Amino acid sequence: MKLLGIGSRINHNEYGKGVVTNVTSKHYWVTFIENGLETIDLDSEFEVIEAAEDEVDTISFYEVERSLKSILKKWSDVSEVISIADKWKGGKLIMQPGDTNLKSTELPIDKFFHKITMVRDRLRVMEQKINSSNLEEQEKIDLQQYITRSYGSLTSFNVLFKLKSQQFVGQRSK
């Protein structure tokens, strides 16, 4: 099966006439005259009115962008945007000493949350530096275990995170 290039014109039984506007590894993105943008499988049944002769790169801009973001997230110290759970926005952390003669301290919970996420970002950078260092493999494993335990110690703060996927994860039970 030869892939159609961007700009190819087709006639689809269900959607009518359209132009291929993007090609991914699994789909054609086709803008149809009467039905707008639709994605159809590469092996869908349709009539080719005019095939574009361009070389087709089967990776879309979206997939390239997603891959680049993943690489940057993994290997740079640029931190992702982490959102605090809605219920905590505008709240405050009150630290009350056991001795009632002493004054309590208040801290905006957003500021506290920011400090917690900065600790995580710094742990990630440390993890990357350890993994790319010239340390012996066993030394890397030992240091990695300390970092994993540190993440585990921070799981108490997971209630503050809006997205579960951004929460701290310690050592998983086997």
N, C-alpha and C. Protein backbone atom coordinates (compact mmCIF):
# COMPACT_ATOMS: atom_id res chain seq x y z
N MET A 1 0.85 -1.18 0.00
CA MET A 1 0.00 0.00 0.00
C MET A 1 0.89 1.24 0.00
N LYS A 2 0.71 2.09 -0.99
CA LYS A 2 1.45 3.34 -1.05
C LYS A 2 0.66 4.41 -0.32
N LEU A 3 1.31 5.12 0.58
CA LEU A 3 0.64 6.17 1.34
C LEU A 3 0.39 7.39 0.46
N LEU A 4 -0.75 8.00 0.70
CA LEU A 4 -1.07 9.24 0.00
C LEU A 4 -0.37 10.39 0.68
N GLY A 5 0.06 11.37 -0.10
CA GLY A 5 0.70 12.55 0.46
C GLY A 5 -0.33 13.61 0.83
N ILE A 6 0.11 14.57 1.61
CA ILE A 6 -0.75 15.69 1.98
C ILE A 6 -1.11 16.44 0.71
N GLY A 7 -2.38 16.75 0.57
CA GLY A 7 -2.87 17.41 -0.64
C GLY A 7 -3.57 16.45 -1.60
N SER A 8 -3.47 15.15 -1.31
CA SER A 8 -4.16 14.17 -2.16
C SER A 8 -5.66 14.38 -2.04
N ARG A 9 -6.37 14.18 -3.16
CA ARG A 9 -7.83 14.32 -3.14
C ARG A 9 -8.46 12.95 -3.25
N ILE A 10 -9.49 12.73 -2.41
CA ILE A 10 -10.15 11.42 -2.38
C ILE A 10 -11.67 11.60 -2.41
N ASN A 11 -12.35 10.48 -2.68
CA ASN A 11 -13.80 10.43 -2.59
C ASN A 11 -14.15 9.25 -1.69
N HIS A 12 -14.72 9.54 -0.53
CA HIS A 12 -15.05 8.53 0.47
C HIS A 12 -16.54 8.24 0.38
N ASN A 13 -16.93 6.95 0.47
CA ASN A 13 -18.34 6.57 0.35
C ASN A 13 -19.23 7.27 1.36
N GLU A 14 -18.76 7.43 2.60
CA GLU A 14 -19.58 8.01 3.65
C GLU A 14 -19.45 9.53 3.74
N TYR A 15 -18.23 10.07 3.58
CA TYR A 15 -17.99 11.49 3.82
C TYR A 15 -17.97 12.35 2.56
N GLY A 16 -17.82 11.72 1.40
CA GLY A 16 -17.78 12.49 0.15
C GLY A 16 -16.36 12.86 -0.25
N LYS A 17 -16.24 13.97 -0.99
CA LYS A 17 -14.94 14.40 -1.50
C LYS A 17 -14.18 15.21 -0.45
N GLY A 18 -12.85 14.97 -0.42
CA GLY A 18 -12.03 15.68 0.55
C GLY A 18 -10.57 15.69 0.16
N VAL A 19 -9.78 16.42 0.97
CA VAL A 19 -8.36 16.57 0.74
C VAL A 19 -7.60 16.09 1.99
N VAL A 20 -6.55 15.29 1.79
CA VAL A 20 -5.72 14.82 2.89
C VAL A 20 -4.92 16.00 3.42
N THR A 21 -5.08 16.31 4.71
CA THR A 21 -4.39 17.45 5.31
C THR A 21 -3.30 17.05 6.29
N ASN A 22 -3.28 15.78 6.68
CA ASN A 22 -2.23 15.28 7.57
C ASN A 22 -2.22 13.77 7.47
N VAL A 23 -1.07 13.18 7.76
CA VAL A 23 -0.93 11.73 7.73
C VAL A 23 -0.19 11.33 8.99
N THR A 24 -0.77 10.38 9.75
CA THR A 24 -0.09 9.84 10.91
C THR A 24 0.27 8.39 10.61
N SER A 25 0.81 7.71 11.58
CA SER A 25 1.20 6.32 11.36
C SER A 25 -0.01 5.40 11.18
N LYS A 26 -1.21 5.86 11.57
CA LYS A 26 -2.41 5.02 11.49
C LYS A 26 -3.56 5.64 10.70
N HIS A 27 -3.54 6.97 10.52
CA HIS A 27 -4.70 7.64 9.95
C HIS A 27 -4.35 8.70 8.92
N TYR A 28 -5.32 8.95 8.05
CA TYR A 28 -5.31 10.15 7.23
C TYR A 28 -6.24 11.14 7.92
N TRP A 29 -5.83 12.39 7.98
CA TRP A 29 -6.73 13.46 8.41
C TRP A 29 -7.21 14.08 7.11
N VAL A 30 -8.51 14.02 6.89
CA VAL A 30 -9.06 14.49 5.63
C VAL A 30 -10.10 15.57 5.91
N THR A 31 -9.97 16.69 5.19
CA THR A 31 -10.98 17.73 5.27
C THR A 31 -11.94 17.51 4.11
N PHE A 32 -13.17 17.13 4.47
CA PHE A 32 -14.19 16.83 3.48
C PHE A 32 -15.01 18.09 3.21
N ILE A 33 -15.43 18.26 1.96
CA ILE A 33 -16.17 19.45 1.55
C ILE A 33 -17.44 19.62 2.37
N GLU A 34 -18.17 18.55 2.56
CA GLU A 34 -19.46 18.68 3.24
C GLU A 34 -19.46 18.21 4.69
N ASN A 35 -18.42 17.52 5.13
CA ASN A 35 -18.42 16.95 6.48
C ASN A 35 -17.29 17.45 7.37
N GLY A 36 -16.46 18.36 6.89
CA GLY A 36 -15.39 18.89 7.71
C GLY A 36 -14.26 17.89 7.91
N LEU A 37 -13.50 18.10 8.98
CA LEU A 37 -12.32 17.27 9.26
C LEU A 37 -12.73 15.93 9.87
N GLU A 38 -12.22 14.87 9.29
CA GLU A 38 -12.44 13.51 9.80
C GLU A 38 -11.11 12.77 9.73
N THR A 39 -10.93 11.80 10.63
CA THR A 39 -9.78 10.93 10.54
C THR A 39 -10.28 9.58 10.05
N ILE A 40 -9.58 9.03 9.09
CA ILE A 40 -9.94 7.72 8.57
C ILE A 40 -8.70 6.83 8.60
N ASP A 41 -8.91 5.54 8.80
CA ASP A 41 -7.80 4.59 8.83
C ASP A 41 -7.08 4.58 7.48
N LEU A 42 -5.79 4.31 7.53
CA LEU A 42 -5.01 4.27 6.29
C LEU A 42 -5.55 3.24 5.30
N ASP A 43 -6.12 2.15 5.83
CA ASP A 43 -6.62 1.09 4.94
C ASP A 43 -8.12 1.20 4.65
N SER A 44 -8.70 2.37 4.91
CA SER A 44 -10.12 2.58 4.62
C SER A 44 -10.39 2.48 3.12
N GLU A 45 -11.64 2.18 2.80
CA GLU A 45 -12.06 2.11 1.40
C GLU A 45 -12.42 3.51 0.92
N PHE A 46 -11.76 3.97 -0.15
CA PHE A 46 -12.07 5.24 -0.78
C PHE A 46 -11.46 5.27 -2.17
N GLU A 47 -11.95 6.18 -3.00
CA GLU A 47 -11.43 6.35 -4.35
C GLU A 47 -10.41 7.48 -4.33
N VAL A 48 -9.26 7.25 -4.94
CA VAL A 48 -8.25 8.30 -5.05
C VAL A 48 -8.54 9.09 -6.32
N ILE A 49 -8.87 10.36 -6.14
CA ILE A 49 -9.13 11.24 -7.28
C ILE A 49 -7.81 11.74 -7.85
N GLU A 50 -6.93 12.19 -6.96
CA GLU A 50 -5.62 12.67 -7.37
C GLU A 50 -4.64 12.45 -6.22
N ALA A 51 -3.59 11.69 -6.46
CA ALA A 51 -2.61 11.40 -5.41
C ALA A 51 -1.50 12.43 -5.48
N ALA A 52 -1.14 12.98 -4.33
CA ALA A 52 0.00 13.90 -4.26
C ALA A 52 1.27 13.08 -4.27
N GLU A 53 2.27 13.58 -4.95
CA GLU A 53 3.52 12.83 -5.14
C GLU A 53 4.54 13.08 -4.05
N ASP A 54 4.24 13.95 -3.08
CA ASP A 54 5.20 14.28 -2.03
C ASP A 54 5.56 13.05 -1.21
N GLU A 55 6.78 13.07 -0.69
CA GLU A 55 7.16 12.05 0.28
C GLU A 55 6.29 12.23 1.51
N VAL A 56 5.85 11.14 2.10
CA VAL A 56 4.99 11.22 3.26
C VAL A 56 5.77 10.81 4.49
N ASP A 57 5.80 11.71 5.45
CA ASP A 57 6.37 11.38 6.76
C ASP A 57 5.20 10.96 7.61
N THR A 58 5.20 9.72 8.06
CA THR A 58 4.02 9.20 8.76
C THR A 58 3.96 9.60 10.23
N ILE A 59 4.67 10.66 10.60
CA ILE A 59 4.58 11.18 11.95
C ILE A 59 4.01 12.59 11.86
N SER A 60 2.93 12.83 12.57
CA SER A 60 2.29 14.14 12.51
C SER A 60 3.04 15.13 13.38
N PHE A 61 2.76 16.41 13.17
CA PHE A 61 3.35 17.45 14.00
C PHE A 61 2.98 17.23 15.45
N TYR A 62 1.75 16.79 15.72
CA TYR A 62 1.30 16.53 17.08
C TYR A 62 2.19 15.48 17.74
N GLU A 63 2.47 14.39 17.00
CA GLU A 63 3.29 13.32 17.56
C GLU A 63 4.72 13.78 17.80
N VAL A 64 5.25 14.62 16.91
CA VAL A 64 6.60 15.17 17.09
C VAL A 64 6.62 16.06 18.33
N GLU A 65 5.61 16.93 18.46
CA GLU A 65 5.53 17.83 19.60
C GLU A 65 5.42 17.03 20.90
N ARG A 66 4.57 16.01 20.92
CA ARG A 66 4.39 15.18 22.10
C ARG A 66 5.70 14.49 22.47
N SER A 67 6.42 13.96 21.49
CA SER A 67 7.70 13.30 21.74
C SER A 67 8.73 14.28 22.28
N LEU A 68 8.78 15.47 21.68
CA LEU A 68 9.74 16.48 22.11
C LEU A 68 9.45 16.91 23.55
N LYS A 69 8.18 17.11 23.89
CA LYS A 69 7.82 17.48 25.26
C LYS A 69 8.25 16.38 26.23
N SER A 70 8.04 15.14 25.85
CA SER A 70 8.42 14.02 26.71
C SER A 70 9.93 13.99 26.94
N ILE A 71 10.70 14.20 25.88
CA ILE A 71 12.16 14.20 25.99
C ILE A 71 12.63 15.36 26.87
N LEU A 72 12.08 16.55 26.62
CA LEU A 72 12.47 17.71 27.43
C LEU A 72 12.11 17.52 28.89
N LYS A 73 10.95 16.96 29.14
CA LYS A 73 10.52 16.72 30.53
C LYS A 73 11.48 15.75 31.21
N LYS A 74 11.91 14.75 30.47
CA LYS A 74 12.77 13.72 31.06
C LYS A 74 14.20 14.21 31.29
N TRP A 75 14.72 15.02 30.37
CA TRP A 75 16.15 15.33 30.41
C TRP A 75 16.50 16.77 30.73
N SER A 76 15.55 17.61 30.98
CA SER A 76 15.91 18.99 31.34
C SER A 76 15.42 19.28 32.74
N ASP A 77 15.87 20.41 33.25
CA ASP A 77 15.41 20.80 34.58
C ASP A 77 14.26 21.78 34.49
N VAL A 78 13.65 21.88 33.31
CA VAL A 78 12.47 22.73 33.15
C VAL A 78 11.30 21.99 33.78
N SER A 79 10.62 22.64 34.68
CA SER A 79 9.55 21.94 35.39
C SER A 79 8.22 22.13 34.67
N GLU A 80 7.38 21.13 34.80
CA GLU A 80 6.05 21.21 34.21
C GLU A 80 5.14 22.02 35.13
N VAL A 81 4.04 22.47 34.57
CA VAL A 81 3.08 23.22 35.38
C VAL A 81 2.30 22.23 36.23
N ILE A 82 2.37 22.40 37.53
CA ILE A 82 1.68 21.51 38.46
C ILE A 82 0.58 22.33 39.13
N SER A 83 -0.63 21.82 39.08
CA SER A 83 -1.75 22.54 39.67
C SER A 83 -2.13 21.97 41.02
N ILE A 84 -2.44 22.87 41.92
CA ILE A 84 -2.93 22.49 43.23
C ILE A 84 -4.41 22.13 43.10
N ALA A 85 -4.88 21.19 43.88
CA ALA A 85 -6.30 20.80 43.84
C ALA A 85 -7.15 22.02 44.16
N ASP A 86 -8.28 22.14 43.47
CA ASP A 86 -9.15 23.31 43.60
C ASP A 86 -9.54 23.60 45.05
N LYS A 87 -9.78 22.55 45.81
CA LYS A 87 -10.26 22.76 47.18
C LYS A 87 -9.23 23.46 48.06
N TRP A 88 -7.94 23.45 47.66
CA TRP A 88 -6.90 24.07 48.48
C TRP A 88 -6.57 25.49 48.04
N LYS A 89 -7.03 25.90 46.85
CA LYS A 89 -6.70 27.23 46.33
C LYS A 89 -7.16 28.31 47.31
N GLY A 90 -6.25 29.23 47.60
CA GLY A 90 -6.57 30.33 48.51
C GLY A 90 -6.53 29.94 49.98
N GLY A 91 -6.24 28.68 50.27
CA GLY A 91 -6.21 28.22 51.66
C GLY A 91 -4.91 28.58 52.34
N LYS A 92 -4.81 28.23 53.61
CA LYS A 92 -3.58 28.51 54.35
C LYS A 92 -3.23 27.31 55.22
N LEU A 93 -1.95 27.18 55.45
CA LEU A 93 -1.41 26.14 56.31
C LEU A 93 -1.13 26.80 57.65
N ILE A 94 -1.71 26.25 58.69
CA ILE A 94 -1.52 26.80 60.03
C ILE A 94 -0.72 25.81 60.85
N MET A 95 0.43 26.27 61.34
CA MET A 95 1.28 25.42 62.17
C MET A 95 1.15 25.90 63.62
N GLN A 96 0.54 25.07 64.41
CA GLN A 96 0.24 25.40 65.81
C GLN A 96 1.21 24.64 66.71
N PRO A 97 2.05 25.37 67.47
CA PRO A 97 2.97 24.67 68.37
C PRO A 97 2.22 24.01 69.53
N GLY A 98 2.81 22.98 70.08
CA GLY A 98 2.21 22.29 71.22
C GLY A 98 2.15 23.18 72.46
N ASP A 99 3.07 24.08 72.58
CA ASP A 99 3.11 25.02 73.70
C ASP A 99 2.18 26.19 73.37
N THR A 100 1.06 26.33 74.08
CA THR A 100 0.06 27.37 73.79
C THR A 100 0.59 28.78 74.06
N ASN A 101 1.73 28.91 74.72
CA ASN A 101 2.33 30.23 74.95
C ASN A 101 3.05 30.74 73.71
N LEU A 102 3.31 29.85 72.77
CA LEU A 102 4.02 30.23 71.56
C LEU A 102 3.02 30.58 70.45
N LYS A 103 3.46 31.43 69.56
CA LYS A 103 2.62 31.92 68.47
C LYS A 103 2.57 30.90 67.32
N SER A 104 1.40 30.74 66.71
CA SER A 104 1.28 29.87 65.54
C SER A 104 1.79 30.61 64.31
N THR A 105 2.05 29.87 63.27
CA THR A 105 2.52 30.44 62.00
C THR A 105 1.57 30.05 60.90
N GLU A 106 1.25 31.00 60.04
CA GLU A 106 0.38 30.75 58.87
C GLU A 106 1.18 30.95 57.60
N LEU A 107 0.90 30.10 56.64
CA LEU A 107 1.57 30.16 55.34
C LEU A 107 0.52 29.90 54.27
N PRO A 108 0.46 30.72 53.22
CA PRO A 108 -0.48 30.41 52.13
C PRO A 108 -0.18 29.01 51.59
N ILE A 109 -1.21 28.21 51.46
CA ILE A 109 -0.99 26.82 51.04
C ILE A 109 -0.43 26.74 49.62
N ASP A 110 -0.75 27.72 48.78
CA ASP A 110 -0.19 27.75 47.42
C ASP A 110 1.34 27.87 47.47
N LYS A 111 1.84 28.69 48.39
CA LYS A 111 3.28 28.88 48.56
C LYS A 111 3.92 27.59 49.07
N PHE A 112 3.29 26.94 50.01
CA PHE A 112 3.76 25.66 50.54
C PHE A 112 3.79 24.61 49.44
N PHE A 113 2.72 24.55 48.65
CA PHE A 113 2.62 23.60 47.55
C PHE A 113 3.74 23.83 46.54
N HIS A 114 4.02 25.10 46.24
CA HIS A 114 5.10 25.43 45.31
C HIS A 114 6.44 24.90 45.84
N LYS A 115 6.67 25.05 47.13
CA LYS A 115 7.93 24.56 47.72
C LYS A 115 8.03 23.04 47.63
N ILE A 116 6.91 22.35 47.83
CA ILE A 116 6.88 20.89 47.73
C ILE A 116 7.20 20.45 46.29
N THR A 117 6.60 21.11 45.30
CA THR A 117 6.85 20.74 43.91
C THR A 117 8.29 21.07 43.50
N MET A 118 8.87 22.12 44.09
CA MET A 118 10.27 22.44 43.80
C MET A 118 11.19 21.35 44.36
N VAL A 119 10.85 20.80 45.51
CA VAL A 119 11.63 19.68 46.06
C VAL A 119 11.60 18.52 45.08
N ARG A 120 10.40 18.24 44.55
CA ARG A 120 10.29 17.14 43.59
C ARG A 120 11.11 17.41 42.34
N ASP A 121 11.05 18.65 41.82
CA ASP A 121 11.82 18.99 40.63
C ASP A 121 13.32 18.80 40.88
N ARG A 122 13.76 19.18 42.04
CA ARG A 122 15.19 19.05 42.36
C ARG A 122 15.58 17.59 42.53
N LEU A 123 14.68 16.78 43.08
CA LEU A 123 14.95 15.34 43.17
C LEU A 123 15.06 14.74 41.77
N ARG A 124 14.20 15.18 40.86
CA ARG A 124 14.25 14.66 39.48
C ARG A 124 15.56 15.03 38.81
N VAL A 125 16.00 16.27 39.00
CA VAL A 125 17.27 16.70 38.40
C VAL A 125 18.41 15.88 38.99
N MET A 126 18.39 15.67 40.31
CA MET A 126 19.43 14.87 40.96
C MET A 126 19.42 13.45 40.38
N GLU A 127 18.24 12.90 40.18
CA GLU A 127 18.10 11.56 39.61
C GLU A 127 18.73 11.50 38.22
N GLN A 128 18.48 12.50 37.40
CA GLN A 128 19.05 12.54 36.05
C GLN A 128 20.57 12.65 36.09
N LYS A 129 21.05 13.49 37.00
CA LYS A 129 22.51 13.67 37.10
C LYS A 129 23.19 12.38 37.58
N ILE A 130 22.55 11.68 38.49
CA ILE A 130 23.10 10.40 38.96
C ILE A 130 23.13 9.40 37.82
N ASN A 131 22.01 9.31 37.08
CA ASN A 131 21.92 8.33 35.99
C ASN A 131 22.92 8.60 34.87
N SER A 132 23.26 9.88 34.64
CA SER A 132 24.20 10.19 33.56
C SER A 132 25.64 10.35 34.06
N SER A 133 25.86 10.08 35.33
CA SER A 133 27.20 10.25 35.92
C SER A 133 28.09 9.05 35.60
N ASN A 134 29.35 9.19 36.00
CA ASN A 134 30.33 8.12 35.81
C ASN A 134 30.42 7.19 37.01
N LEU A 135 29.45 7.25 37.90
CA LEU A 135 29.44 6.38 39.08
C LEU A 135 29.31 4.93 38.65
N GLU A 136 29.77 4.05 39.51
CA GLU A 136 29.58 2.62 39.27
C GLU A 136 28.08 2.31 39.31
N GLU A 137 27.69 1.27 38.62
CA GLU A 137 26.27 0.92 38.53
C GLU A 137 25.64 0.69 39.90
N GLN A 138 26.35 0.01 40.79
CA GLN A 138 25.81 -0.25 42.13
C GLN A 138 25.63 1.04 42.92
N GLU A 139 26.56 1.99 42.75
CA GLU A 139 26.43 3.29 43.42
C GLU A 139 25.20 4.04 42.91
N LYS A 140 24.96 3.96 41.61
CA LYS A 140 23.78 4.59 41.03
C LYS A 140 22.50 3.98 41.62
N ILE A 141 22.50 2.66 41.72
CA ILE A 141 21.32 1.97 42.27
C ILE A 141 21.10 2.37 43.72
N ASP A 142 22.16 2.44 44.50
CA ASP A 142 22.04 2.83 45.91
C ASP A 142 21.47 4.23 46.05
N LEU A 143 22.00 5.17 45.26
CA LEU A 143 21.52 6.56 45.33
C LEU A 143 20.08 6.65 44.83
N GLN A 144 19.75 5.86 43.81
CA GLN A 144 18.39 5.86 43.28
C GLN A 144 17.40 5.39 44.35
N GLN A 145 17.81 4.44 45.17
CA GLN A 145 16.93 3.96 46.24
C GLN A 145 16.66 5.05 47.27
N TYR A 146 17.66 5.88 47.56
CA TYR A 146 17.45 7.01 48.47
C TYR A 146 16.43 8.00 47.89
N ILE A 147 16.54 8.24 46.61
CA ILE A 147 15.61 9.16 45.96
C ILE A 147 14.20 8.58 45.98
N THR A 148 14.07 7.29 45.69
CA THR A 148 12.76 6.64 45.72
C THR A 148 12.15 6.73 47.11
N ARG A 149 12.97 6.52 48.14
CA ARG A 149 12.47 6.64 49.52
C ARG A 149 12.07 8.07 49.83
N SER A 150 12.79 9.03 49.27
CA SER A 150 12.43 10.45 49.47
C SER A 150 11.06 10.73 48.85
N TYR A 151 10.83 10.22 47.64
CA TYR A 151 9.51 10.36 47.02
C TYR A 151 8.45 9.74 47.93
N GLY A 152 8.75 8.57 48.48
CA GLY A 152 7.82 7.90 49.38
C GLY A 152 7.50 8.73 50.60
N SER A 153 8.50 9.42 51.13
CA SER A 153 8.27 10.29 52.30
C SER A 153 7.38 11.47 51.95
N LEU A 154 7.37 11.86 50.69
CA LEU A 154 6.58 13.01 50.26
C LEU A 154 5.15 12.66 49.85
N THR A 155 4.81 11.36 49.85
CA THR A 155 3.46 10.96 49.42
C THR A 155 2.36 11.52 50.32
N SER A 156 2.70 11.92 51.54
CA SER A 156 1.71 12.52 52.44
C SER A 156 1.11 13.79 51.84
N PHE A 157 1.85 14.43 50.95
CA PHE A 157 1.40 15.69 50.37
C PHE A 157 0.58 15.50 49.09
N ASN A 158 0.33 14.24 48.70
CA ASN A 158 -0.42 13.98 47.47
C ASN A 158 -1.83 14.56 47.48
N VAL A 159 -2.40 14.77 48.65
CA VAL A 159 -3.75 15.35 48.73
C VAL A 159 -3.80 16.75 48.13
N LEU A 160 -2.67 17.39 48.01
CA LEU A 160 -2.63 18.77 47.48
C LEU A 160 -2.68 18.83 45.95
N PHE A 161 -2.36 17.73 45.29
CA PHE A 161 -2.26 17.74 43.83
C PHE A 161 -3.62 17.62 43.15
N LYS A 162 -3.79 18.39 42.10
CA LYS A 162 -5.03 18.33 41.33
C LYS A 162 -5.08 17.03 40.51
N LEU A 163 -3.96 16.68 39.88
CA LEU A 163 -3.92 15.50 39.01
C LEU A 163 -3.17 14.36 39.69
N LYS A 164 -3.79 13.20 39.71
CA LYS A 164 -3.18 12.02 40.32
C LYS A 164 -1.87 11.66 39.63
N SER A 165 -1.79 11.89 38.32
CA SER A 165 -0.58 11.54 37.57
C SER A 165 0.63 12.36 37.98
N GLN A 166 0.43 13.47 38.70
CA GLN A 166 1.54 14.32 39.11
C GLN A 166 1.93 14.11 40.57
N GLN A 167 1.28 13.17 41.23
CA GLN A 167 1.55 12.92 42.64
C GLN A 167 2.88 12.19 42.83
N PHE A 168 3.37 12.22 44.06
CA PHE A 168 4.58 11.51 44.42
C PHE A 168 4.31 10.01 44.45
N VAL A 169 5.29 9.23 44.02
CA VAL A 169 5.19 7.78 44.07
C VAL A 169 6.47 7.27 44.71
N GLY A 170 6.32 6.51 45.77
CA GLY A 170 7.48 5.91 46.42
C GLY A 170 7.70 4.51 45.86
N GLN A 171 8.29 3.65 46.66
CA GLN A 171 8.55 2.28 46.24
C GLN A 171 7.22 1.52 46.24
N ARG A 172 6.93 0.87 45.13
CA ARG A 172 5.69 0.11 45.01
C ARG A 172 5.87 -1.27 45.62
N SER A 173 4.82 -1.77 46.26
CA SER A 173 4.90 -3.13 46.82
C SER A 173 4.83 -4.14 45.68
N LYS A 174 5.51 -5.23 45.87
CA LYS A 174 5.60 -6.23 44.78
C LYS A 174 4.72 -7.40 45.05
